[in-house]
C-alpha cells in the first residue's frame, strides 16, 4: 500500500497572498476533462525532532501558539526556510536552537502531509539519539519562555491517546516511535534519505515556484 504521485498540469494560476511564511494561490487544473479550481497554501515544509535519551525519554517543549490560543506541548521543529539547507542539517540546527541539544545518531522516523486537502505542507520527523547539551541558544518572542521536559515515551503516547496533547508532529512522532520500537527500530531510514515527496526538496515538477 503506497501513495501514488500523479500530475495534472495547471491551466491557470493566481497568487492571492504572499506571506512571510507561506503563500496562498488559486490554481485551475484539468481533471478527467473537468476544469477544477482549488485554493492552495504553498508551504516550505518543516522538520521535527523526536529526541530520545538513553532512558527512553522524549524531549518535549511547551510554548505559546497564538493561532490556537494555547501553550502546547510539542517536539522541537522548524521551517525549511533557509535556501539550500538540507533537511537533516535543518533538523540538527532546530534541535540546538530550541532545546540546546546535539545528537550523534539521526534517522528518519516518519513523513506526513499535514493537510493535503488544502496545503502542500510536508513534515519529516527525525529520531535523534545520543543526545548531549550544547551552549544555550538566545531565544526571543514566543520561544523566549519555552518550557523543557523529558518524558518517558510511553507516557507521551498515553497523553496522545487521551487527547491531552494534539500537536501533529508530536502525535505522529510519538506513535511512530512506539510502533518502530516494537519492531526493534527496523522501520527507521538513514537520516539523509532523499525526501522525494517534498514539493521543494524533492523537486516535484508541479511546484511552480
N, C-alpha and C. Protein backbone atom coordinates (compact mmCIF):
# COMPACT_ATOMS: atom_id res chain seq x y z
N UNK A 1 0.85 -1.18 0.00
CA UNK A 1 0.00 0.00 0.00
C UNK A 1 0.89 1.23 0.00
N UNK A 2 0.69 2.09 -0.99
CA UNK A 2 1.56 3.26 -1.13
C UNK A 2 0.84 4.37 -1.88
N UNK A 3 1.04 5.61 -1.43
CA UNK A 3 0.50 6.74 -2.18
C UNK A 3 1.14 6.77 -3.57
N UNK A 4 0.38 7.25 -4.56
CA UNK A 4 0.89 7.29 -5.93
C UNK A 4 0.92 8.74 -6.41
N UNK A 5 2.11 9.31 -6.61
CA UNK A 5 2.18 10.66 -7.17
C UNK A 5 1.48 10.73 -8.52
N UNK A 6 0.80 11.83 -8.78
CA UNK A 6 0.03 11.98 -10.01
C UNK A 6 0.01 13.46 -10.38
N UNK A 7 0.33 13.76 -11.61
CA UNK A 7 0.44 15.15 -12.04
C UNK A 7 -0.69 15.55 -12.98
N UNK A 8 -1.34 16.65 -12.67
CA UNK A 8 -2.34 17.26 -13.53
C UNK A 8 -1.92 18.71 -13.75
N UNK A 9 -1.36 19.02 -14.90
CA UNK A 9 -0.77 20.35 -15.12
C UNK A 9 -1.78 21.47 -14.92
N UNK A 10 -1.28 22.58 -14.40
CA UNK A 10 -2.12 23.74 -14.19
C UNK A 10 -2.51 24.38 -15.51
N UNK A 11 -3.77 24.83 -15.58
CA UNK A 11 -4.22 25.61 -16.73
C UNK A 11 -4.42 27.07 -16.36
N UNK A 12 -4.34 27.37 -15.07
CA UNK A 12 -4.45 28.75 -14.60
C UNK A 12 -3.93 28.86 -13.19
N UNK A 13 -3.42 30.05 -12.86
CA UNK A 13 -2.82 30.23 -11.54
C UNK A 13 -2.83 31.71 -11.16
N UNK A 14 -3.29 32.00 -9.94
CA UNK A 14 -3.29 33.37 -9.43
C UNK A 14 -2.76 33.36 -8.01
N UNK A 15 -1.75 34.18 -7.73
CA UNK A 15 -1.22 34.31 -6.38
C UNK A 15 -2.12 35.26 -5.60
N UNK A 16 -2.80 34.74 -4.58
CA UNK A 16 -3.74 35.53 -3.79
C UNK A 16 -3.06 36.24 -2.62
N UNK A 17 -2.03 35.61 -2.09
CA UNK A 17 -1.39 36.18 -0.91
C UNK A 17 0.05 35.70 -0.85
N UNK A 18 0.97 36.64 -0.66
CA UNK A 18 2.38 36.30 -0.46
C UNK A 18 2.73 36.65 0.98
N UNK A 19 2.92 35.64 1.80
CA UNK A 19 3.13 35.85 3.22
C UNK A 19 4.56 35.69 3.65
N UNK A 20 4.80 35.95 4.93
CA UNK A 20 6.14 35.82 5.49
C UNK A 20 6.59 34.36 5.51
N UNK A 21 5.66 33.45 5.73
CA UNK A 21 6.00 32.04 5.81
C UNK A 21 5.44 31.25 4.63
N UNK A 22 4.18 31.50 4.26
CA UNK A 22 3.58 30.74 3.16
C UNK A 22 2.76 31.65 2.27
N UNK A 23 2.47 31.13 1.06
CA UNK A 23 1.65 31.83 0.08
C UNK A 23 0.32 31.09 -0.07
N UNK A 24 -0.65 31.80 -0.62
CA UNK A 24 -1.93 31.19 -0.98
C UNK A 24 -2.16 31.46 -2.46
N UNK A 25 -2.43 30.42 -3.22
CA UNK A 25 -2.64 30.54 -4.67
C UNK A 25 -3.97 29.91 -5.06
N UNK A 26 -4.60 30.46 -6.09
CA UNK A 26 -5.77 29.84 -6.70
C UNK A 26 -5.29 29.13 -7.96
N UNK A 27 -5.46 27.81 -7.99
CA UNK A 27 -4.97 27.01 -9.10
C UNK A 27 -6.13 26.36 -9.85
N UNK A 28 -6.04 26.37 -11.16
CA UNK A 28 -7.01 25.70 -12.03
C UNK A 28 -6.30 24.57 -12.75
N UNK A 29 -6.90 23.40 -12.74
CA UNK A 29 -6.29 22.25 -13.41
C UNK A 29 -7.36 21.39 -14.05
N UNK A 30 -6.94 20.63 -15.04
CA UNK A 30 -7.85 19.73 -15.74
C UNK A 30 -7.81 18.36 -15.09
N UNK A 31 -8.99 17.84 -14.74
CA UNK A 31 -9.06 16.53 -14.11
C UNK A 31 -10.15 15.72 -14.78
N UNK A 32 -9.73 14.77 -15.61
CA UNK A 32 -10.69 13.92 -16.32
C UNK A 32 -11.62 14.69 -17.23
N UNK A 33 -11.11 15.77 -17.84
CA UNK A 33 -11.93 16.56 -18.74
C UNK A 33 -12.72 17.66 -18.06
N UNK A 34 -12.60 17.77 -16.74
CA UNK A 34 -13.30 18.81 -15.98
C UNK A 34 -12.28 19.81 -15.45
N UNK A 35 -12.61 21.09 -15.58
CA UNK A 35 -11.75 22.13 -15.04
C UNK A 35 -12.10 22.36 -13.57
N UNK A 36 -11.12 22.22 -12.71
CA UNK A 36 -11.33 22.33 -11.27
C UNK A 36 -10.49 23.47 -10.72
N UNK A 37 -11.06 24.24 -9.81
CA UNK A 37 -10.36 25.35 -9.16
C UNK A 37 -10.20 25.03 -7.67
N UNK A 38 -8.97 25.18 -7.18
CA UNK A 38 -8.71 24.97 -5.77
C UNK A 38 -7.79 26.08 -5.26
N UNK A 39 -8.00 26.49 -4.01
CA UNK A 39 -7.08 27.41 -3.35
C UNK A 39 -6.12 26.59 -2.49
N UNK A 40 -4.83 26.85 -2.67
CA UNK A 40 -3.79 26.01 -2.10
C UNK A 40 -2.82 26.85 -1.28
N UNK A 41 -2.54 26.40 -0.07
CA UNK A 41 -1.48 27.00 0.73
C UNK A 41 -0.15 26.36 0.31
N UNK A 42 0.77 27.19 -0.15
CA UNK A 42 2.09 26.72 -0.54
C UNK A 42 3.05 26.95 0.64
N UNK A 43 3.56 25.87 1.15
CA UNK A 43 4.31 25.88 2.40
C UNK A 43 5.73 25.38 2.15
N UNK A 44 6.74 25.96 2.81
CA UNK A 44 8.11 25.50 2.59
C UNK A 44 8.41 24.14 3.19
N UNK A 45 7.50 23.63 4.02
CA UNK A 45 7.76 22.36 4.69
C UNK A 45 8.50 22.58 5.99
N UNK A 46 8.62 21.51 6.76
CA UNK A 46 9.24 21.62 8.08
C UNK A 46 9.86 20.30 8.48
N UNK A 47 10.71 20.39 9.48
CA UNK A 47 11.29 19.20 10.10
C UNK A 47 10.95 19.23 11.59
N UNK A 48 10.84 18.05 12.18
CA UNK A 48 10.59 17.92 13.61
C UNK A 48 11.51 16.83 14.15
N UNK A 49 11.81 16.92 15.43
CA UNK A 49 12.81 16.03 16.00
C UNK A 49 12.28 15.38 17.27
N UNK A 50 12.18 14.05 17.25
CA UNK A 50 11.87 13.31 18.45
C UNK A 50 13.21 12.85 19.03
N UNK A 51 13.69 13.58 20.03
CA UNK A 51 14.96 13.26 20.68
C UNK A 51 14.70 12.28 21.82
N UNK A 52 15.43 11.17 21.80
CA UNK A 52 15.22 10.10 22.77
C UNK A 52 16.52 9.87 23.53
N UNK A 53 16.45 9.92 24.87
CA UNK A 53 17.68 9.72 25.64
C UNK A 53 17.87 8.24 25.97
N UNK A 54 18.94 7.92 26.70
CA UNK A 54 19.27 6.52 26.98
C UNK A 54 18.27 5.86 27.91
N UNK A 55 17.44 6.66 28.58
CA UNK A 55 16.42 6.10 29.47
C UNK A 55 15.05 5.98 28.79
N UNK A 56 15.01 6.20 27.47
CA UNK A 56 13.75 6.07 26.75
C UNK A 56 12.81 7.23 26.95
N UNK A 57 13.37 8.40 27.28
CA UNK A 57 12.54 9.59 27.48
C UNK A 57 12.62 10.50 26.26
N UNK A 58 11.51 11.16 25.99
CA UNK A 58 11.39 12.07 24.86
C UNK A 58 11.55 13.51 25.35
N UNK A 59 12.28 14.30 24.59
CA UNK A 59 12.43 15.71 24.91
C UNK A 59 11.22 16.46 24.39
N UNK A 60 10.43 17.07 25.28
CA UNK A 60 9.27 17.86 24.90
C UNK A 60 9.52 19.32 25.25
N UNK A 61 8.95 20.19 24.44
CA UNK A 61 8.98 21.62 24.74
C UNK A 61 7.53 22.12 24.76
N UNK A 62 7.30 23.15 25.57
CA UNK A 62 5.96 23.75 25.61
C UNK A 62 6.10 25.25 25.37
N UNK A 63 5.34 25.75 24.40
CA UNK A 63 5.39 27.17 24.11
C UNK A 63 4.01 27.67 23.68
N UNK A 64 3.86 28.98 23.73
CA UNK A 64 2.58 29.58 23.34
C UNK A 64 2.41 29.55 21.83
N UNK A 65 1.22 29.14 21.37
CA UNK A 65 0.88 29.12 19.95
C UNK A 65 -0.35 30.00 19.76
N UNK A 66 -0.14 31.16 19.17
CA UNK A 66 -1.22 32.14 19.10
C UNK A 66 -2.43 31.67 18.29
N UNK A 67 -2.28 31.01 17.13
CA UNK A 67 -3.47 30.62 16.37
C UNK A 67 -4.45 29.74 17.16
N UNK A 68 -3.94 28.93 18.09
CA UNK A 68 -4.84 28.07 18.86
C UNK A 68 -5.03 28.58 20.29
N UNK A 69 -4.40 29.72 20.61
CA UNK A 69 -4.53 30.34 21.93
C UNK A 69 -4.29 29.32 23.03
N UNK A 70 -3.13 28.67 22.94
CA UNK A 70 -2.79 27.64 23.92
C UNK A 70 -1.28 27.54 24.05
N UNK A 71 -0.84 27.11 25.21
CA UNK A 71 0.57 26.77 25.42
C UNK A 71 0.66 25.26 25.23
N UNK A 72 1.22 24.85 24.12
CA UNK A 72 1.12 23.46 23.68
C UNK A 72 2.44 22.71 23.84
N UNK A 73 2.31 21.44 24.23
CA UNK A 73 3.47 20.55 24.24
C UNK A 73 3.76 20.10 22.82
N UNK A 74 5.03 20.13 22.44
CA UNK A 74 5.46 19.77 21.10
C UNK A 74 6.82 19.07 21.19
N UNK A 75 7.32 18.63 20.04
CA UNK A 75 8.72 18.27 19.92
C UNK A 75 9.40 19.38 19.12
N UNK A 76 10.70 19.58 19.29
CA UNK A 76 11.38 20.65 18.54
C UNK A 76 11.12 20.52 17.04
N UNK A 77 10.93 21.66 16.39
CA UNK A 77 10.60 21.65 14.96
C UNK A 77 10.90 23.02 14.38
N UNK A 78 10.96 23.08 13.06
CA UNK A 78 11.19 24.35 12.41
C UNK A 78 10.97 24.27 10.92
N UNK A 79 10.81 25.43 10.32
CA UNK A 79 10.56 25.53 8.89
C UNK A 79 11.82 25.26 8.07
N UNK A 80 11.60 24.81 6.86
CA UNK A 80 12.69 24.71 5.89
C UNK A 80 12.76 26.03 5.13
N UNK A 81 13.20 27.06 5.82
CA UNK A 81 13.18 28.40 5.24
C UNK A 81 14.58 28.97 4.98
N UNK A 82 15.60 28.13 5.10
CA UNK A 82 16.96 28.55 4.77
C UNK A 82 17.29 27.99 3.38
N UNK A 83 17.43 28.86 2.36
CA UNK A 83 17.65 28.37 0.99
C UNK A 83 18.84 27.41 0.90
N UNK A 84 18.58 26.24 0.31
CA UNK A 84 19.64 25.28 0.07
C UNK A 84 20.04 24.44 1.26
N UNK A 85 19.43 24.66 2.42
CA UNK A 85 19.82 23.88 3.60
C UNK A 85 19.20 22.48 3.53
N UNK A 86 20.01 21.42 3.59
CA UNK A 86 19.45 20.06 3.58
C UNK A 86 18.56 19.84 4.79
N UNK A 87 17.49 19.05 4.64
CA UNK A 87 16.57 18.84 5.76
C UNK A 87 17.24 18.32 7.02
N UNK A 88 18.19 17.39 6.90
CA UNK A 88 18.84 16.86 8.09
C UNK A 88 19.60 17.96 8.82
N UNK A 89 20.28 18.83 8.08
CA UNK A 89 21.00 19.93 8.71
C UNK A 89 20.02 20.90 9.38
N UNK A 90 18.87 21.10 8.76
CA UNK A 90 17.85 21.95 9.38
C UNK A 90 17.38 21.36 10.70
N UNK A 91 17.20 20.04 10.74
CA UNK A 91 16.77 19.39 11.97
C UNK A 91 17.84 19.52 13.05
N UNK A 92 19.09 19.36 12.69
CA UNK A 92 20.17 19.50 13.66
C UNK A 92 20.22 20.93 14.21
N UNK A 93 20.02 21.88 13.33
CA UNK A 93 20.02 23.29 13.75
C UNK A 93 18.85 23.57 14.69
N UNK A 94 17.67 23.08 14.35
CA UNK A 94 16.50 23.34 15.18
C UNK A 94 16.62 22.69 16.56
N UNK A 95 17.20 21.50 16.63
CA UNK A 95 17.37 20.86 17.93
C UNK A 95 18.28 21.69 18.83
N UNK A 96 19.32 22.27 18.24
CA UNK A 96 20.21 23.13 19.02
C UNK A 96 19.53 24.43 19.41
N UNK A 97 18.79 25.03 18.48
CA UNK A 97 18.19 26.34 18.74
C UNK A 97 17.02 26.27 19.72
N UNK A 98 16.25 25.20 19.68
CA UNK A 98 15.05 25.13 20.52
C UNK A 98 15.26 24.36 21.82
N UNK A 99 16.26 23.47 21.85
CA UNK A 99 16.42 22.62 23.04
C UNK A 99 17.84 22.58 23.57
N UNK A 100 18.78 23.30 22.93
CA UNK A 100 20.17 23.32 23.38
C UNK A 100 20.76 21.91 23.43
N UNK A 101 20.47 21.14 22.36
CA UNK A 101 20.94 19.76 22.30
C UNK A 101 21.57 19.45 20.95
N UNK A 102 22.50 18.49 20.97
CA UNK A 102 23.03 17.88 19.75
C UNK A 102 22.83 16.38 19.88
N UNK A 103 22.89 15.67 18.76
CA UNK A 103 22.71 14.22 18.77
C UNK A 103 23.73 13.59 17.83
N UNK A 104 24.17 12.39 18.18
CA UNK A 104 25.16 11.70 17.36
C UNK A 104 24.53 10.77 16.33
N UNK A 105 23.28 10.36 16.56
CA UNK A 105 22.64 9.39 15.67
C UNK A 105 21.30 9.94 15.19
N UNK A 106 21.12 9.96 13.87
CA UNK A 106 19.90 10.52 13.28
C UNK A 106 19.29 9.53 12.31
N UNK A 107 17.98 9.35 12.42
CA UNK A 107 17.23 8.51 11.48
C UNK A 107 15.93 9.22 11.10
N UNK A 108 15.41 8.89 9.93
CA UNK A 108 14.07 9.33 9.54
C UNK A 108 13.07 8.41 10.22
N UNK A 109 12.16 9.01 10.97
CA UNK A 109 11.14 8.25 11.70
C UNK A 109 9.83 8.21 10.94
N UNK A 110 9.40 9.36 10.40
CA UNK A 110 8.11 9.43 9.70
C UNK A 110 8.07 10.67 8.81
N UNK A 111 7.33 10.58 7.72
CA UNK A 111 6.99 11.72 6.88
C UNK A 111 5.46 11.82 6.85
N UNK A 112 4.95 13.04 6.88
CA UNK A 112 3.50 13.17 6.73
C UNK A 112 3.14 14.50 6.11
N UNK A 113 1.97 14.52 5.48
CA UNK A 113 1.42 15.73 4.86
C UNK A 113 0.33 16.25 5.78
N UNK A 114 0.50 17.48 6.24
CA UNK A 114 -0.30 17.97 7.35
C UNK A 114 -1.76 18.17 7.00
N UNK A 115 -2.05 18.67 5.80
CA UNK A 115 -3.44 18.92 5.41
C UNK A 115 -3.54 18.87 3.90
N UNK A 116 -3.44 17.68 3.30
CA UNK A 116 -3.32 17.57 1.84
C UNK A 116 -4.52 18.04 1.05
N UNK A 117 -5.65 18.27 1.71
CA UNK A 117 -6.80 18.80 1.00
C UNK A 117 -6.67 20.28 0.67
N UNK A 118 -5.74 20.97 1.34
CA UNK A 118 -5.64 22.40 1.09
C UNK A 118 -4.24 22.96 1.14
N UNK A 119 -3.25 22.14 1.44
CA UNK A 119 -1.89 22.63 1.60
C UNK A 119 -0.89 21.58 1.12
N UNK A 120 0.25 22.05 0.60
CA UNK A 120 1.30 21.10 0.22
C UNK A 120 2.33 20.94 1.34
N UNK A 121 2.00 21.39 2.55
CA UNK A 121 2.93 21.28 3.67
C UNK A 121 3.28 19.81 3.94
N UNK A 122 4.57 19.53 3.98
CA UNK A 122 5.07 18.20 4.25
C UNK A 122 6.07 18.29 5.40
N UNK A 123 5.99 17.36 6.34
CA UNK A 123 6.84 17.40 7.52
C UNK A 123 7.59 16.08 7.65
N UNK A 124 8.86 16.17 7.95
CA UNK A 124 9.68 14.98 8.21
C UNK A 124 10.03 14.97 9.69
N UNK A 125 9.76 13.85 10.35
CA UNK A 125 10.09 13.68 11.76
C UNK A 125 11.33 12.80 11.86
N UNK A 126 12.35 13.32 12.52
CA UNK A 126 13.59 12.58 12.74
C UNK A 126 13.62 12.00 14.15
N UNK A 127 14.28 10.85 14.28
CA UNK A 127 14.60 10.30 15.57
C UNK A 127 16.06 10.62 15.85
N UNK A 128 16.31 11.34 16.94
CA UNK A 128 17.67 11.73 17.31
C UNK A 128 18.05 11.04 18.61
N UNK A 129 19.19 10.35 18.60
CA UNK A 129 19.66 9.66 19.80
C UNK A 129 21.13 10.00 20.04
N UNK A 130 21.62 9.62 21.19
CA UNK A 130 22.97 10.02 21.57
C UNK A 130 23.03 11.51 21.83
N UNK A 131 22.08 12.01 22.62
CA UNK A 131 21.94 13.46 22.80
C UNK A 131 22.89 13.97 23.89
N UNK A 132 23.31 15.21 23.70
CA UNK A 132 24.14 15.88 24.68
C UNK A 132 23.86 17.37 24.62
N UNK A 133 24.20 18.08 25.69
CA UNK A 133 23.92 19.51 25.77
C UNK A 133 24.93 20.30 24.96
N UNK A 134 24.46 21.42 24.41
CA UNK A 134 25.31 22.39 23.72
C UNK A 134 25.07 23.74 24.37
N UNK A 135 25.93 24.74 24.10
CA UNK A 135 25.72 26.05 24.70
C UNK A 135 24.31 26.58 24.43
N UNK A 136 23.75 27.23 25.45
CA UNK A 136 22.38 27.72 25.36
C UNK A 136 22.23 28.74 24.24
N UNK A 137 21.14 28.60 23.51
CA UNK A 137 20.83 29.49 22.39
C UNK A 137 19.97 30.65 22.90
N UNK A 138 20.20 31.83 22.38
CA UNK A 138 19.42 33.00 22.77
C UNK A 138 18.10 33.01 22.01
N UNK A 139 16.98 32.90 22.75
CA UNK A 139 15.67 32.81 22.12
C UNK A 139 14.84 34.05 22.40
N UNK A 140 13.90 34.36 21.50
CA UNK A 140 13.09 35.56 21.63
C UNK A 140 11.64 35.25 21.29
N UNK A 141 10.77 36.25 21.47
CA UNK A 141 9.34 36.15 21.17
C UNK A 141 8.74 34.94 21.87
N UNK A 142 7.90 34.15 21.17
CA UNK A 142 7.24 33.03 21.85
C UNK A 142 8.22 31.98 22.35
N UNK A 143 9.41 31.94 21.75
CA UNK A 143 10.39 30.94 22.17
C UNK A 143 11.17 31.35 23.41
N UNK A 144 11.01 32.60 23.86
CA UNK A 144 11.82 33.10 24.98
C UNK A 144 11.52 32.36 26.28
N UNK A 145 10.29 31.87 26.45
CA UNK A 145 9.93 31.20 27.70
C UNK A 145 9.53 29.74 27.46
N UNK A 146 10.21 29.11 26.52
CA UNK A 146 9.97 27.68 26.27
C UNK A 146 10.23 26.87 27.54
N UNK A 147 9.31 25.95 27.82
CA UNK A 147 9.48 25.00 28.93
C UNK A 147 9.97 23.68 28.36
N UNK A 148 10.95 23.08 29.00
CA UNK A 148 11.55 21.84 28.52
C UNK A 148 11.31 20.73 29.53
N UNK A 149 10.94 19.54 29.03
CA UNK A 149 10.72 18.42 29.94
C UNK A 149 11.07 17.11 29.22
N UNK A 150 11.73 16.22 29.95
CA UNK A 150 11.97 14.86 29.46
C UNK A 150 10.87 13.94 30.00
N UNK A 151 10.19 13.23 29.10
CA UNK A 151 9.03 12.43 29.47
C UNK A 151 9.17 11.03 28.88
N UNK A 152 8.94 9.97 29.65
CA UNK A 152 9.01 8.61 29.08
C UNK A 152 8.11 8.47 27.85
N UNK A 153 8.63 7.79 26.84
CA UNK A 153 7.89 7.65 25.58
C UNK A 153 6.49 7.10 25.81
N UNK A 154 6.35 6.10 26.67
CA UNK A 154 5.03 5.52 26.89
C UNK A 154 4.07 6.53 27.52
N UNK A 155 4.58 7.42 28.36
CA UNK A 155 3.72 8.45 28.95
C UNK A 155 3.28 9.46 27.89
N UNK A 156 4.17 9.75 26.93
CA UNK A 156 3.79 10.64 25.84
C UNK A 156 2.67 10.01 25.01
N UNK A 157 2.81 8.74 24.71
CA UNK A 157 1.78 8.05 23.94
C UNK A 157 0.46 8.04 24.70
N UNK A 158 0.52 7.83 26.02
CA UNK A 158 -0.71 7.88 26.83
C UNK A 158 -1.38 9.25 26.69
N UNK A 159 -0.58 10.32 26.71
CA UNK A 159 -1.15 11.67 26.59
C UNK A 159 -1.76 11.88 25.22
N UNK A 160 -1.12 11.32 24.19
CA UNK A 160 -1.67 11.42 22.83
C UNK A 160 -3.01 10.69 22.75
N UNK A 161 -3.06 9.46 23.25
CA UNK A 161 -4.27 8.66 23.14
C UNK A 161 -5.40 9.20 24.00
N UNK A 162 -5.05 9.94 25.04
CA UNK A 162 -6.07 10.58 25.88
C UNK A 162 -6.45 11.96 25.34
N UNK A 163 -5.83 12.35 24.24
CA UNK A 163 -6.13 13.61 23.55
C UNK A 163 -5.75 14.84 24.39
N UNK A 164 -4.79 14.65 25.30
CA UNK A 164 -4.34 15.78 26.11
C UNK A 164 -3.31 16.64 25.38
N UNK A 165 -2.63 16.05 24.41
CA UNK A 165 -1.69 16.80 23.57
C UNK A 165 -2.09 16.55 22.12
N UNK A 166 -1.98 17.59 21.27
CA UNK A 166 -2.53 17.47 19.93
C UNK A 166 -1.64 18.04 18.83
N UNK A 167 -0.42 18.43 19.16
CA UNK A 167 0.50 18.88 18.12
C UNK A 167 0.73 17.75 17.12
N UNK A 168 0.54 17.98 15.81
CA UNK A 168 0.62 16.88 14.85
C UNK A 168 1.99 16.21 14.80
N UNK A 169 3.06 16.99 14.89
CA UNK A 169 4.40 16.38 14.86
C UNK A 169 4.63 15.50 16.08
N UNK A 170 4.14 15.95 17.23
CA UNK A 170 4.25 15.16 18.45
C UNK A 170 3.42 13.89 18.35
N UNK A 171 2.19 14.01 17.88
CA UNK A 171 1.32 12.84 17.75
C UNK A 171 1.91 11.81 16.80
N UNK A 172 2.27 12.26 15.60
CA UNK A 172 2.83 11.33 14.61
C UNK A 172 4.16 10.76 15.10
N UNK A 173 5.02 11.62 15.64
CA UNK A 173 6.33 11.16 16.08
C UNK A 173 6.25 10.14 17.20
N UNK A 174 5.41 10.42 18.21
CA UNK A 174 5.31 9.50 19.34
C UNK A 174 4.73 8.15 18.93
N UNK A 175 3.67 8.17 18.14
CA UNK A 175 3.06 6.90 17.72
C UNK A 175 3.98 6.13 16.79
N UNK A 176 4.69 6.83 15.90
CA UNK A 176 5.64 6.16 15.02
C UNK A 176 6.79 5.57 15.83
N UNK A 177 7.23 6.29 16.85
CA UNK A 177 8.36 5.81 17.64
C UNK A 177 7.99 4.54 18.42
N UNK A 178 6.82 4.54 19.04
CA UNK A 178 6.46 3.36 19.82
C UNK A 178 6.21 2.17 18.90
N UNK A 179 5.68 2.42 17.70
CA UNK A 179 5.49 1.32 16.74
C UNK A 179 6.83 0.81 16.22
N UNK A 180 7.76 1.73 15.95
CA UNK A 180 9.07 1.32 15.46
C UNK A 180 9.86 0.58 16.54
N UNK A 181 9.75 1.07 17.78
CA UNK A 181 10.42 0.38 18.90
C UNK A 181 9.94 -1.06 19.03
N UNK A 182 8.63 -1.29 18.82
CA UNK A 182 8.08 -2.65 18.90
C UNK A 182 8.62 -3.55 17.80
N UNK A 183 9.13 -2.95 16.74
CA UNK A 183 9.73 -3.69 15.63
C UNK A 183 11.26 -3.62 15.69
N UNK A 184 11.78 -3.37 16.88
CA UNK A 184 13.22 -3.27 17.10
C UNK A 184 13.85 -2.22 16.19
N UNK A 185 13.12 -1.12 15.95
CA UNK A 185 13.55 0.03 15.15
C UNK A 185 13.87 -0.34 13.69
N UNK A 186 13.31 -1.43 13.22
CA UNK A 186 13.61 -1.87 11.85
C UNK A 186 13.00 -0.96 10.78
N UNK A 187 12.07 -0.10 11.16
CA UNK A 187 11.41 0.77 10.18
C UNK A 187 12.19 2.05 9.90
N UNK A 188 13.22 2.33 10.67
CA UNK A 188 13.94 3.59 10.52
C UNK A 188 14.70 3.64 9.20
N UNK A 189 14.84 4.86 8.68
CA UNK A 189 15.63 5.09 7.47
C UNK A 189 16.82 5.97 7.82
N UNK A 190 17.88 5.94 7.00
CA UNK A 190 19.02 6.81 7.28
C UNK A 190 18.60 8.28 7.34
N UNK A 191 19.27 9.04 8.18
CA UNK A 191 18.90 10.43 8.36
C UNK A 191 18.98 11.26 7.10
N UNK A 192 19.84 10.86 6.17
CA UNK A 192 19.99 11.63 4.92
C UNK A 192 19.23 11.01 3.76
N UNK A 193 18.23 10.17 4.06
CA UNK A 193 17.43 9.58 2.99
C UNK A 193 16.77 10.68 2.15
N UNK A 194 16.83 10.60 0.81
CA UNK A 194 16.20 11.64 -0.03
C UNK A 194 14.72 11.78 0.30
N UNK A 195 14.26 13.03 0.28
CA UNK A 195 12.87 13.35 0.64
C UNK A 195 12.12 13.63 -0.66
N UNK A 196 11.78 12.57 -1.38
CA UNK A 196 11.25 12.71 -2.73
C UNK A 196 9.85 13.29 -2.76
N UNK A 197 9.09 13.14 -1.70
CA UNK A 197 7.71 13.63 -1.70
C UNK A 197 7.60 15.09 -1.27
N UNK A 198 8.73 15.69 -0.90
CA UNK A 198 8.68 17.10 -0.51
C UNK A 198 8.59 17.96 -1.76
N UNK A 199 7.67 18.96 -1.81
CA UNK A 199 7.44 19.72 -3.03
C UNK A 199 8.62 20.57 -3.48
N UNK A 200 9.55 20.89 -2.58
CA UNK A 200 10.73 21.66 -2.96
C UNK A 200 11.97 20.79 -2.93
N UNK A 201 12.25 20.17 -1.77
CA UNK A 201 13.44 19.35 -1.63
C UNK A 201 13.43 18.17 -2.60
N UNK A 202 12.23 17.66 -2.91
CA UNK A 202 12.13 16.52 -3.82
C UNK A 202 12.06 16.91 -5.28
N UNK A 203 11.99 18.20 -5.57
CA UNK A 203 11.98 18.64 -6.96
C UNK A 203 10.71 18.27 -7.70
N UNK A 204 9.57 18.34 -7.04
CA UNK A 204 8.31 17.98 -7.68
C UNK A 204 8.06 18.85 -8.92
N UNK A 205 7.77 18.25 -10.07
CA UNK A 205 7.63 19.03 -11.30
C UNK A 205 6.43 19.97 -11.31
N UNK A 206 5.43 19.72 -10.44
CA UNK A 206 4.24 20.56 -10.46
C UNK A 206 4.36 21.80 -9.60
N UNK A 207 5.43 21.87 -8.78
CA UNK A 207 5.61 23.05 -7.96
C UNK A 207 6.11 24.21 -8.86
N UNK A 208 5.39 25.30 -8.84
CA UNK A 208 5.66 26.37 -9.81
C UNK A 208 6.53 27.47 -9.27
N UNK A 209 6.99 27.38 -8.03
CA UNK A 209 7.87 28.42 -7.51
C UNK A 209 9.06 27.79 -6.81
